[in-house]
Amino acid sequence: MRKDAKRRYHSPLRERKAAATKAAICDAAARLFVQDGYLLTSMRAVAAEAGVGERTVYAAFPTKRDLFVHCLWVATRVDDVDAATQLLRRTSDADEPTEVLAAAVDFGYDLMDRAGALIYAIVEAAASDPDLAALHVTGRDRMLESLREVTKRLDELDALADGVSPQEAADILYVLMSSHVRHLLVEHRGWTTDRYREFLHNVAASQILR
């Protein structure tokens, strides 16, 4: 080995500290994105909220968009699985129509509970950022595709209400499980999360199942 070659050291402690700093930055950013919106949240404000230097934030996330996308990725994924795949996994073990629908609604509730406010923030940001708009459309279409798989299964079980097609049933779930509905009921109207969850189940069952 050349004498002037740089030696690389693997430091688990340093890696853990870097990961913890990155997580703290993401937590702080997510709070500000929800509180102030994407456009009004600055990297300087994120640094202050996280208790780190602004250069540290930029070292972890070169742009605000990178930071937002990472926060959304953390909020929506479970065990590194995207939301649309989670939905299909949550409903795959159910056999009865009521269980299939309940599993789908519970998934939607859980997703909105942990990520709904941040998803709503991307809806607002999409109007002024084409890249975020494209990301939002991709995620939205992927989720709708999975919902159609769920309602197709309900149709095969002869469980859909008269006059309700698998497409329409998926549309109903798509609206109920949106960040818009959660924002209006929980954030704007002050509903409790328990009441919101009950609403989702009741409306879904009454509108979709025979």
Protein backbone atom coordinates (compact mmCIF):
# COMPACT_ATOMS: atom_id res chain seq x y z
CA MET A 1 0.00 0.00 0.00
CA ARG A 2 1.28 3.46 -0.83
CA LYS A 3 2.50 5.39 2.18
CA ASP A 4 0.43 8.44 1.26
CA ALA A 5 -2.78 6.46 0.79
CA LYS A 6 -5.46 7.52 3.23
CA ARG A 7 -6.56 4.92 5.71
CA ARG A 8 -10.28 4.56 6.21
CA TYR A 9 -11.62 3.81 9.63
CA HIS A 10 -14.96 2.21 10.38
CA SER A 11 -16.42 3.77 13.51
CA PRO A 12 -19.77 2.31 14.67
CA LEU A 13 -20.02 5.02 17.33
CA ARG A 14 -19.57 7.77 14.76
CA GLU A 15 -22.16 6.15 12.50
CA ARG A 16 -24.66 5.91 15.35
CA LYS A 17 -24.14 9.57 16.21
CA ALA A 18 -24.59 10.56 12.58
CA ALA A 19 -27.79 8.52 12.33
CA ALA A 20 -29.11 10.07 15.56
CA THR A 21 -28.34 13.57 14.27
CA LYS A 22 -30.07 12.82 10.97
CA ALA A 23 -33.12 11.50 12.82
CA ALA A 24 -33.23 14.59 15.04
CA ILE A 25 -33.08 16.84 11.98
CA CYS A 26 -35.88 14.88 10.33
CA ASP A 27 -38.07 15.05 13.45
CA ALA A 28 -37.54 18.79 13.75
CA ALA A 29 -38.19 19.35 10.04
CA ALA A 30 -41.38 17.29 10.08
CA ARG A 31 -42.75 19.40 12.95
CA LEU A 32 -41.99 22.61 11.09
CA PHE A 33 -43.31 21.37 7.75
CA VAL A 34 -46.60 20.55 9.44
CA GLN A 35 -46.69 23.70 11.55
CA ASP A 36 -45.52 26.30 9.04
CA GLY A 37 -45.83 24.56 5.68
CA TYR A 38 -43.13 23.56 3.22
CA LEU A 39 -42.61 26.97 1.65
CA LEU A 40 -42.20 28.87 4.92
CA THR A 41 -39.88 26.32 6.53
CA SER A 42 -36.22 27.24 6.10
CA MET A 43 -33.16 25.09 6.63
CA ARG A 44 -32.00 27.62 9.21
CA ALA A 45 -35.23 27.16 11.14
CA VAL A 46 -34.83 23.38 10.97
CA ALA A 47 -31.30 23.67 12.35
CA ALA A 48 -32.50 25.80 15.24
CA GLU A 49 -35.37 23.43 15.99
CA ALA A 50 -33.03 20.43 15.92
CA GLY A 51 -30.34 22.16 17.98
CA VAL A 52 -27.61 21.72 15.38
CA GLY A 53 -25.69 24.01 13.04
CA GLU A 54 -27.10 24.91 9.66
CA ARG A 55 -24.05 23.35 7.99
CA THR A 56 -24.89 20.08 9.73
CA VAL A 57 -28.37 20.12 8.20
CA TYR A 58 -26.98 20.76 4.71
CA ALA A 59 -24.38 18.02 5.18
CA ALA A 60 -27.16 15.52 5.83
CA PHE A 61 -29.66 16.92 3.33
CA PRO A 62 -28.28 19.04 0.46
CA THR A 63 -31.66 20.64 -0.29
CA LYS A 64 -34.93 21.30 1.51
CA ARG A 65 -36.67 19.05 -0.97
CA ASP A 66 -34.30 16.20 -0.08
CA LEU A 67 -35.12 16.77 3.58
CA PHE A 68 -38.87 16.80 3.00
CA VAL A 69 -38.78 13.65 0.87
CA HIS A 70 -36.78 11.86 3.56
CA CYS A 71 -39.26 12.93 6.26
CA LEU A 72 -42.15 11.66 4.16
CA TRP A 73 -40.29 8.41 3.50
CA VAL A 74 -39.73 7.88 7.23
CA ALA A 75 -43.35 8.71 8.11
CA THR A 76 -45.02 6.49 5.53
CA ARG A 77 -42.86 3.39 5.55
CA VAL A 78 -42.94 0.49 7.99
CA ASP A 79 -40.04 -1.96 8.00
CA ASP A 80 -38.85 -0.29 4.78
CA VAL A 81 -42.11 -1.18 3.02
CA ASP A 82 -44.04 1.48 1.13
CA ALA A 83 -47.61 2.33 2.12
CA ALA A 84 -49.33 0.74 -0.89
CA THR A 85 -47.62 -2.59 -0.22
CA GLN A 86 -48.46 -2.35 3.48
CA LEU A 87 -52.13 -2.06 2.59
CA LEU A 88 -52.08 -5.26 0.55
CA ARG A 89 -50.22 -7.11 3.29
CA ARG A 90 -52.65 -5.90 5.97
CA THR A 91 -55.66 -7.18 4.00
CA SER A 92 -54.17 -10.41 2.63
CA ASP A 93 -54.79 -12.47 5.79
CA ALA A 94 -58.48 -11.56 6.07
CA ASP A 95 -61.07 -13.94 4.64
CA GLU A 96 -64.44 -12.42 5.46
CA PRO A 97 -65.53 -9.26 3.57
CA THR A 98 -66.06 -7.30 6.79
CA GLU A 99 -62.55 -8.26 7.92
CA VAL A 100 -61.02 -7.27 4.58
CA LEU A 101 -62.68 -3.86 4.65
CA ALA A 102 -61.91 -3.32 8.33
CA ALA A 103 -58.23 -4.14 7.73
CA ALA A 104 -58.10 -1.65 4.86
CA VAL A 105 -59.74 1.09 6.92
CA ASP A 106 -57.49 0.40 9.92
CA PHE A 107 -54.49 0.68 7.64
CA GLY A 108 -55.73 4.02 6.33
CA TYR A 109 -56.30 5.27 9.86
CA ASP A 110 -52.84 4.20 11.00
CA LEU A 111 -51.18 5.80 7.98
CA MET A 112 -53.01 9.09 8.49
CA ASP A 113 -52.35 9.01 12.23
CA ARG A 114 -48.60 8.90 11.78
CA ALA A 115 -48.19 10.67 8.44
CA GLY A 116 -51.43 12.42 7.51
CA ALA A 117 -50.32 15.91 8.51
CA LEU A 118 -47.08 15.57 6.55
CA ILE A 119 -48.92 14.15 3.52
CA TYR A 120 -51.25 17.14 3.68
CA ALA A 121 -48.18 19.38 3.66
CA ILE A 122 -46.99 17.86 0.39
CA VAL A 123 -50.42 18.51 -1.12
CA GLU A 124 -50.00 22.21 -0.32
CA ALA A 125 -46.36 22.28 -1.49
CA ALA A 126 -47.13 20.50 -4.77
CA ALA A 127 -48.73 23.63 -6.21
CA SER A 128 -45.38 25.44 -6.24
CA ASP A 129 -42.87 22.60 -6.63
CA PRO A 130 -43.14 20.38 -9.76
CA ASP A 131 -40.86 17.71 -8.32
CA LEU A 132 -42.93 17.38 -5.15
CA ALA A 133 -46.08 17.43 -7.27
CA ALA A 134 -44.76 14.48 -9.29
CA LEU A 135 -43.86 12.63 -6.09
CA HIS A 136 -47.35 13.22 -4.73
CA VAL A 137 -49.02 11.97 -7.92
CA THR A 138 -46.87 8.84 -7.96
CA GLY A 139 -47.72 7.99 -4.35
CA ARG A 140 -51.40 8.79 -4.87
CA ASP A 141 -51.70 6.61 -7.96
CA ARG A 142 -49.83 3.74 -6.33
CA MET A 143 -52.20 3.82 -3.35
CA LEU A 144 -55.28 3.94 -5.58
CA GLU A 145 -53.97 0.93 -7.49
CA SER A 146 -53.68 -1.05 -4.23
CA LEU A 147 -57.16 0.04 -3.12
CA ARG A 148 -58.52 -1.30 -6.39
CA GLU A 149 -56.90 -4.65 -5.62
CA VAL A 150 -58.71 -4.68 -2.27
CA THR A 151 -62.10 -3.79 -3.72
CA LYS A 152 -61.65 -6.26 -6.57
CA ARG A 153 -61.24 -8.93 -3.92
CA LEU A 154 -64.42 -7.75 -2.19
CA ASP A 155 -66.22 -8.00 -5.52
CA GLU A 156 -64.97 -11.56 -6.00
CA LEU A 157 -66.41 -12.34 -2.55
CA ASP A 158 -69.75 -10.94 -3.81
CA ALA A 159 -69.65 -8.43 -0.97
CA LEU A 160 -70.11 -5.08 -2.72
CA ALA A 161 -73.39 -3.24 -2.33
CA ASP A 162 -75.80 -3.25 -5.26
CA GLY A 163 -74.76 -0.75 -7.88
CA VAL A 164 -71.28 -0.23 -6.41
CA SER A 165 -68.47 -1.27 -8.75
CA PRO A 166 -64.96 -2.17 -7.58
CA GLN A 167 -63.78 1.12 -9.11
CA GLU A 168 -66.33 3.16 -7.18
CA ALA A 169 -65.62 1.27 -3.96
CA ALA A 170 -61.92 2.07 -4.37
CA ASP A 171 -62.79 5.71 -4.98
CA ILE A 172 -64.80 5.81 -1.73
CA LEU A 173 -61.89 4.37 0.25
CA TYR A 174 -59.49 6.70 -1.52
CA VAL A 175 -61.45 9.73 -0.35
CA LEU A 176 -62.04 8.47 3.19
CA MET A 177 -58.38 7.59 3.67
CA SER A 178 -57.09 10.91 2.34
CA SER A 179 -55.12 13.48 4.30
CA HIS A 180 -57.78 16.03 3.35
CA VAL A 181 -60.51 14.25 5.32
CA ARG A 182 -58.28 13.80 8.33
CA HIS A 183 -57.20 17.44 8.21
CA LEU A 184 -60.75 18.75 8.02
CA LEU A 185 -62.15 16.54 10.78
CA VAL A 186 -59.25 16.26 13.22
CA GLU A 187 -57.22 19.43 12.72
CA HIS A 188 -59.94 21.86 11.60
CA ARG A 189 -63.05 20.57 13.37
CA GLY A 190 -61.32 19.12 16.41
CA TRP A 191 -62.65 15.57 16.21
CA THR A 192 -60.93 13.04 18.47
CA THR A 193 -58.93 10.38 16.70
CA ASP A 194 -61.30 7.73 18.08
CA ARG A 195 -64.31 9.52 16.58
CA TYR A 196 -62.45 9.92 13.28
CA ARG A 197 -61.63 6.22 13.20
CA GLU A 198 -65.25 5.27 13.97
CA PHE A 199 -66.41 7.55 11.16
CA LEU A 200 -64.10 5.87 8.66
CA HIS A 201 -65.35 2.40 9.55
CA ASN A 202 -69.02 3.34 9.59
CA VAL A 203 -69.01 5.21 6.29
CA ALA A 204 -66.89 2.63 4.49
CA ALA A 205 -69.12 -0.25 5.59
CA SER A 206 -72.37 1.57 4.82
CA GLN A 207 -71.27 2.70 1.37
CA ILE A 208 -69.33 -0.33 0.15
CA LEU A 209 -70.68 -3.57 1.61
CA ARG A 210 -74.06 -5.12 0.83
